PDB file of N, CA and C in Angstrom:
ATOM      1  N   MET A   1     -12.180   6.070 -15.021  1.00  0.00           N
ATOM      2  CA  MET A   1     -11.911   5.799 -13.374  1.00  0.00           C
ATOM      3  C   MET A   1     -10.553   5.016 -12.610  1.00  0.00           C
ATOM      4  N   LYS A   2      -9.973   5.383 -12.219  1.00  0.00           N
ATOM      5  CA  LYS A   2      -8.682   4.876 -11.999  1.00  0.00           C
ATOM      6  C   LYS A   2      -9.275   3.189 -10.934  1.00  0.00           C
ATOM      7  N   ARG A   3      -8.527   2.459 -10.874  1.00  0.00           N
ATOM      8  CA  ARG A   3      -8.676   1.210 -10.174  1.00  0.00           C
ATOM      9  C   ARG A   3      -7.866   1.007  -9.372  1.00  0.00           C
ATOM     10  N   LEU A   4      -7.630   0.461  -8.141  1.00  0.00           N
ATOM     11  CA  LEU A   4      -6.731   0.311  -6.770  1.00  0.00           C
ATOM     12  C   LEU A   4      -5.704  -0.937  -7.630  1.00  0.00           C
ATOM     13  N   HIS A   5      -5.042  -0.980  -7.427  1.00  0.00           N
ATOM     14  CA  HIS A   5      -4.096  -1.854  -7.914  1.00  0.00           C
ATOM     15  C   HIS A   5      -2.401  -2.055  -7.206  1.00  0.00           C
ATOM     16  N   LEU A   6      -2.242  -2.825  -7.386  1.00  0.00           N
ATOM     17  CA  LEU A   6      -0.380  -3.207  -6.967  1.00  0.00           C
ATOM     18  C   LEU A   6       0.210  -2.831  -7.920  1.00  0.00           C
ATOM     19  N   SER A   7       1.174  -1.695  -7.418  1.00  0.00           N
ATOM     20  CA  SER A   7       2.213  -1.380  -8.489  1.00  0.00           C
ATOM     21  C   SER A   7       3.235  -2.508  -8.811  1.00  0.00           C
ATOM     22  N   ALA A   8       3.671  -2.356 -10.304  1.00  0.00           N
ATOM     23  CA  ALA A   8       4.421  -3.174 -10.800  1.00  0.00           C
ATOM     24  C   ALA A   8       5.962  -2.532 -10.852  1.00  0.00           C
ATOM     25  N   THR A   9       5.875  -1.235 -10.793  1.00  0.00           N
ATOM     26  CA  THR A   9       7.036  -0.147 -10.680  1.00  0.00           C
ATOM     27  C   THR A   9       7.575   0.246  -9.608  1.00  0.00           C
ATOM     28  N   ASP A  10       6.975   0.560  -8.804  1.00  0.00           N
ATOM     29  CA  ASP A  10       7.273   1.308  -7.481  1.00  0.00           C
ATOM     30  C   ASP A  10       6.813   0.404  -6.010  1.00  0.00           C
ATOM     31  N   LYS A  11       7.470  -0.665  -5.892  1.00  0.00           N
ATOM     32  CA  LYS A  11       7.106  -1.642  -4.836  1.00  0.00           C
ATOM     33  C   LYS A  11       8.127  -1.910  -4.260  1.00  0.00           C
ATOM     34  N   LYS A  12       8.033  -1.955  -3.041  1.00  0.00           N
ATOM     35  CA  LYS A  12       9.037  -2.306  -1.909  1.00  0.00           C
ATOM     36  C   LYS A  12       8.769  -3.777  -1.541  1.00  0.00           C
ATOM     37  N   ILE A  13       7.762  -4.226  -1.101  1.00  0.00           N
ATOM     38  CA  ILE A  13       7.562  -5.791  -0.675  1.00  0.00           C
ATOM     39  C   ILE A  13       6.397  -5.832  -1.696  1.00  0.00           C
ATOM     40  N   PHE A  14       5.063  -5.781  -1.671  1.00  0.00           N
ATOM     41  CA  PHE A  14       4.341  -6.341  -2.199  1.00  0.00           C
ATOM     42  C   PHE A  14       3.799  -5.131  -3.423  1.00  0.00           C
ATOM     43  N   GLY A  15       4.121  -3.897  -3.157  1.00  0.00           N
ATOM     44  CA  GLY A  15       3.560  -2.822  -4.259  1.00  0.00           C
ATOM     45  C   GLY A  15       2.223  -1.974  -3.963  1.00  0.00           C
ATOM     46  N   VAL A  16       1.816  -2.413  -2.141  1.00  0.00           N
ATOM     47  CA  VAL A  16       0.236  -1.914  -1.921  1.00  0.00           C
ATOM     48  C   VAL A  16       0.602  -0.629  -1.854  1.00  0.00           C
ATOM     49  N   CYS A  17       1.556   0.253  -1.155  1.00  0.00           N
ATOM     50  CA  CYS A  17       1.535   1.649  -1.051  1.00  0.00           C
ATOM     51  C   CYS A  17       1.907   2.034  -2.441  1.00  0.00           C
ATOM     52  N   GLY A  18       2.874   1.507  -3.123  1.00  0.00           N
ATOM     53  CA  GLY A  18       3.035   2.124  -4.534  1.00  0.00           C
ATOM     54  C   GLY A  18       1.591   2.498  -5.545  1.00  0.00           C
ATOM     55  N   GLY A  19       0.662   1.329  -5.550  1.00  0.00           N
ATOM     56  CA  GLY A  19      -0.244   1.119  -5.822  1.00  0.00           C
ATOM     57  C   GLY A  19      -1.384   2.118  -5.173  1.00  0.00           C
ATOM     58  N   ILE A  20      -1.155   2.626  -4.150  1.00  0.00           N
ATOM     59  CA  ILE A  20      -2.385   3.449  -3.442  1.00  0.00           C
ATOM     60  C   ILE A  20      -2.089   4.723  -3.982  1.00  0.00           C
ATOM     61  N   GLY A  21      -0.698   5.158  -3.949  1.00  0.00           N
ATOM     62  CA  GLY A  21       0.371   6.179  -4.373  1.00  0.00           C
ATOM     63  C   GLY A  21      -0.062   6.471  -5.914  1.00  0.00           C
ATOM     64  N   GLU A  22      -0.252   5.798  -6.740  1.00  0.00           N
ATOM     65  CA  GLU A  22      -0.492   5.864  -8.224  1.00  0.00           C
ATOM     66  C   GLU A  22      -2.178   6.376  -8.253  1.00  0.00           C
ATOM     67  N   THR A  23      -2.854   5.335  -7.348  1.00  0.00           N
ATOM     68  CA  THR A  23      -4.477   5.415  -8.003  1.00  0.00           C
ATOM     69  C   THR A  23      -4.770   6.949  -7.516  1.00  0.00           C
ATOM     70  N   TYR A  24      -4.501   7.317  -6.258  1.00  0.00           N
ATOM     71  CA  TYR A  24      -4.805   8.729  -6.057  1.00  0.00           C
ATOM     72  C   TYR A  24      -4.080   9.622  -5.673  1.00  0.00           C
ATOM     73  N   ASP A  25      -3.299   9.496  -6.906  1.00  0.00           N
ATOM     74  CA  ASP A  25      -1.772  10.518  -7.293  1.00  0.00           C
ATOM     75  C   ASP A  25      -1.434  11.349  -5.714  1.00  0.00           C
ATOM     76  N   VAL A  26      -1.107  10.530  -5.259  1.00  0.00           N
ATOM     77  CA  VAL A  26      -0.137  10.784  -4.412  1.00  0.00           C
ATOM     78  C   VAL A  26       1.068  10.252  -3.874  1.00  0.00           C
ATOM     79  N   ASP A  27       2.140  10.755  -3.614  1.00  0.00           N
ATOM     80  CA  ASP A  27       3.592  10.429  -3.361  1.00  0.00           C
ATOM     81  C   ASP A  27       3.734   9.120  -2.666  1.00  0.00           C
ATOM     82  N   PRO A  28       3.865   8.093  -2.920  1.00  0.00           N
ATOM     83  CA  PRO A  28       3.801   6.553  -2.494  1.00  0.00           C
ATOM     84  C   PRO A  28       4.568   6.783  -1.273  1.00  0.00           C
ATOM     85  N   THR A  29       5.953   7.366  -1.342  1.00  0.00           N
ATOM     86  CA  THR A  29       6.682   7.594   0.062  1.00  0.00           C
ATOM     87  C   THR A  29       5.685   8.308   1.580  1.00  0.00           C
ATOM     88  N   LEU A  30       4.945   8.909   0.987  1.00  0.00           N
ATOM     89  CA  LEU A  30       3.906   9.559   1.795  1.00  0.00           C
ATOM     90  C   LEU A  30       3.192   8.560   2.569  1.00  0.00           C
ATOM     91  N   VAL A  31       2.612   7.874   1.517  1.00  0.00           N
ATOM     92  CA  VAL A  31       1.862   6.896   1.852  1.00  0.00           C
ATOM     93  C   VAL A  31       2.736   5.653   2.888  1.00  0.00           C
ATOM     94  N   ARG A  32       3.799   5.595   2.329  1.00  0.00           N
ATOM     95  CA  ARG A  32       4.852   4.280   3.213  1.00  0.00           C
ATOM     96  C   ARG A  32       4.979   4.992   5.065  1.00  0.00           C
ATOM     97  N   LEU A  33       5.267   6.580   5.102  1.00  0.00           N
ATOM     98  CA  LEU A  33       5.295   6.709   5.859  1.00  0.00           C
ATOM     99  C   LEU A  33       4.135   7.053   6.914  1.00  0.00           C
ATOM    100  N   THR A  34       3.193   6.910   6.209  1.00  0.00           N
ATOM    101  CA  THR A  34       1.723   7.004   6.664  1.00  0.00           C
ATOM    102  C   THR A  34       1.355   5.529   7.307  1.00  0.00           C
ATOM    103  N   VAL A  35       1.950   4.518   6.847  1.00  0.00           N
ATOM    104  CA  VAL A  35       1.581   3.037   7.219  1.00  0.00           C
ATOM    105  C   VAL A  35       2.727   2.758   8.434  1.00  0.00           C
ATOM    106  N   VAL A  36       3.848   3.273   8.055  1.00  0.00           N
ATOM    107  CA  VAL A  36       4.970   3.260   9.298  1.00  0.00           C
ATOM    108  C   VAL A  36       4.373   3.951  10.837  1.00  0.00           C
ATOM    109  N   PHE A  37       3.881   5.011  10.514  1.00  0.00           N
ATOM    110  CA  PHE A  37       3.501   5.813  11.358  1.00  0.00           C
ATOM    111  C   PHE A  37       2.227   5.012  12.182  1.00  0.00           C
ATOM    112  N   LEU A  38       1.515   4.405  11.237  1.00  0.00           N
ATOM    113  CA  LEU A  38       0.037   3.603  12.088  1.00  0.00           C
ATOM    114  C   LEU A  38       0.926   2.463  12.640  1.00  0.00           C
ATOM    115  N   CYS A  39       1.606   1.804  11.975  1.00  0.00           N
ATOM    116  CA  CYS A  39       2.097   0.650  12.581  1.00  0.00           C
ATOM    117  C   CYS A  39       2.441   0.950  14.328  1.00  0.00           C
ATOM    118  N   VAL A  40       3.512   2.162  14.140  1.00  0.00           N
ATOM    119  CA  VAL A  40       3.987   2.632  15.559  1.00  0.00           C
ATOM    120  C   VAL A  40       2.973   2.354  16.571  1.00  0.00           C
ATOM    121  N   VAL A  41       1.685   3.302  15.976  1.00  0.00           N
ATOM    122  CA  VAL A  41       0.618   3.528  16.936  1.00  0.00           C
ATOM    123  C   VAL A  41       0.064   2.812  17.199  1.00  0.00           C
ATOM    124  N   THR A  42      -0.583   1.807  16.526  1.00  0.00           N
ATOM    125  CA  THR A  42      -1.255   0.539  16.511  1.00  0.00           C
ATOM    126  C   THR A  42      -0.335  -0.681  17.214  1.00  0.00           C
ATOM    127  N   ILE A  43       0.641  -0.565  17.216  1.00  0.00           N
ATOM    128  CA  ILE A  43       1.367  -1.635  17.873  1.00  0.00           C
ATOM    129  C   ILE A  43       1.104  -2.855  16.615  1.00  0.00           C
ATOM    130  N   VAL A  44       1.761  -2.557  15.644  1.00  0.00           N
ATOM    131  CA  VAL A  44       1.943  -3.294  14.050  1.00  0.00           C
ATOM    132  C   VAL A  44       1.029  -4.205  14.084  1.00  0.00           C
ATOM    133  N   VAL A  45       0.438  -4.939  14.831  1.00  0.00           N
ATOM    134  CA  VAL A  45      -0.376  -6.251  14.510  1.00  0.00           C
ATOM    135  C   VAL A  45      -1.699  -5.734  13.448  1.00  0.00           C
ATOM    136  N   PRO A  46      -2.322  -4.182  13.704  1.00  0.00           N
ATOM    137  CA  PRO A  46      -3.797  -4.363  12.893  1.00  0.00           C
ATOM    138  C   PRO A  46      -3.482  -3.804  11.467  1.00  0.00           C
ATOM    139  N   ILE A  47      -2.195  -2.952  11.072  1.00  0.00           N
ATOM    140  CA  ILE A  47      -1.899  -2.635   9.878  1.00  0.00           C
ATOM    141  C   ILE A  47      -0.881  -3.776   9.225  1.00  0.00           C
ATOM    142  N   ALA A  48      -0.410  -4.534   9.920  1.00  0.00           N
ATOM    143  CA  ALA A  48       0.419  -5.635   9.096  1.00  0.00           C
ATOM    144  C   ALA A  48      -0.458  -6.744   8.531  1.00  0.00           C
ATOM    145  N   ILE A  49      -1.575  -7.125   9.611  1.00  0.00           N
ATOM    146  CA  ILE A  49      -2.748  -7.661   9.207  1.00  0.00           C
ATOM    147  C   ILE A  49      -3.560  -7.645   7.674  1.00  0.00           C
ATOM    148  N   THR A  50      -3.890  -6.010   7.669  1.00  0.00           N
ATOM    149  CA  THR A  50      -4.625  -5.035   6.872  1.00  0.00           C
ATOM    150  C   THR A  50      -3.600  -5.122   5.311  1.00  0.00           C
ATOM    151  N   TYR A  51      -2.182  -4.771   5.508  1.00  0.00           N
ATOM    152  CA  TYR A  51      -1.375  -4.995   4.566  1.00  0.00           C
ATOM    153  C   TYR A  51      -1.688  -6.026   3.756  1.00  0.00           C
ATOM    154  N   LEU A  52      -1.199  -7.277   4.612  1.00  0.00           N
ATOM    155  CA  LEU A  52      -1.260  -8.478   3.846  1.00  0.00           C
ATOM    156  C   LEU A  52      -2.485  -9.259   3.231  1.00  0.00           C
ATOM    157  N   VAL A  53      -3.739  -8.613   3.645  1.00  0.00           N
ATOM    158  CA  VAL A  53      -4.975  -8.939   2.976  1.00  0.00           C
ATOM    159  C   VAL A  53      -4.854  -8.125   1.775  1.00  0.00           C
ATOM    160  N   ALA A  54      -4.244  -6.552   2.231  1.00  0.00           N
ATOM    161  CA  ALA A  54      -4.485  -5.852   0.576  1.00  0.00           C
ATOM    162  C   ALA A  54      -3.468  -6.657  -0.211  1.00  0.00           C
ATOM    163  N   ALA A  55      -2.756  -6.914  -0.016  1.00  0.00           N
ATOM    164  CA  ALA A  55      -1.775  -7.713  -0.991  1.00  0.00           C
ATOM    165  C   ALA A  55      -1.710  -8.782  -1.490  1.00  0.00           C
ATOM    166  N   LEU A  56      -2.800  -9.339  -1.032  1.00  0.00           N
ATOM    167  CA  LEU A  56      -3.678 -10.815  -1.554  1.00  0.00           C
ATOM    168  C   LEU A  56      -4.778 -10.605  -2.514  1.00  0.00           C
ATOM    169  N   ILE A  57      -5.953  -9.562  -1.946  1.00  0.00           N
ATOM    170  CA  ILE A  57      -7.120  -9.374  -3.042  1.00  0.00           C
ATOM    171  C   ILE A  57      -6.914  -8.300  -3.737  1.00  0.00           C
ATOM    172  N   MET A  58      -5.541  -7.162  -3.840  1.00  0.00           N
ATOM    173  CA  MET A  58      -5.255  -6.511  -4.924  1.00  0.00           C
ATOM    174  C   MET A  58      -5.389  -6.867  -6.101  1.00  0.00           C
ATOM    175  N   PRO A  59      -5.525  -6.561  -7.375  1.00  0.00           N
ATOM    176  CA  PRO A  59      -4.714  -7.043  -8.346  1.00  0.00           C
ATOM    177  C   PRO A  59      -3.749  -6.405  -9.029  1.00  0.00           C
ATOM    178  N   LYS A  60      -3.016  -7.327  -9.464  1.00  0.00           N
ATOM    179  CA  LYS A  60      -1.860  -6.466 -10.341  1.00  0.00           C
ATOM    180  C   LYS A  60      -2.086  -5.499 -11.260  1.00  0.00           C
ATOM    181  N   GLU A  61      -1.313  -4.762 -11.892  1.00  0.00           N
ATOM    182  CA  GLU A  61      -1.489  -3.972 -12.561  1.00  0.00           C
ATOM    183  C   GLU A  61      -1.120  -4.261 -14.089  1.00  0.00           C
ATOM    184  N   ALA A  62      -1.951  -3.718 -14.893  1.00  0.00           N
ATOM    185  CA  ALA A  62      -2.488  -4.170 -16.064  1.00  0.00           C
ATOM    186  C   ALA A  62      -1.268  -4.027 -16.908  1.00  0.00           C
TER     187      ALA A  62
END
């Protein structure tokens, strides 16, 4: 079973979207576009807080 992790190779800021993409076999660019869309729709704050919390609690890639 794959575990959710921060990507060490496909990261732009912290590697959260790259790690989600690698774990679920989805293109990380699509994950990033989804995050940007959700930021625009929710006026940034909830998604930004969620992203920062994920960056802090997700383990780094082994």
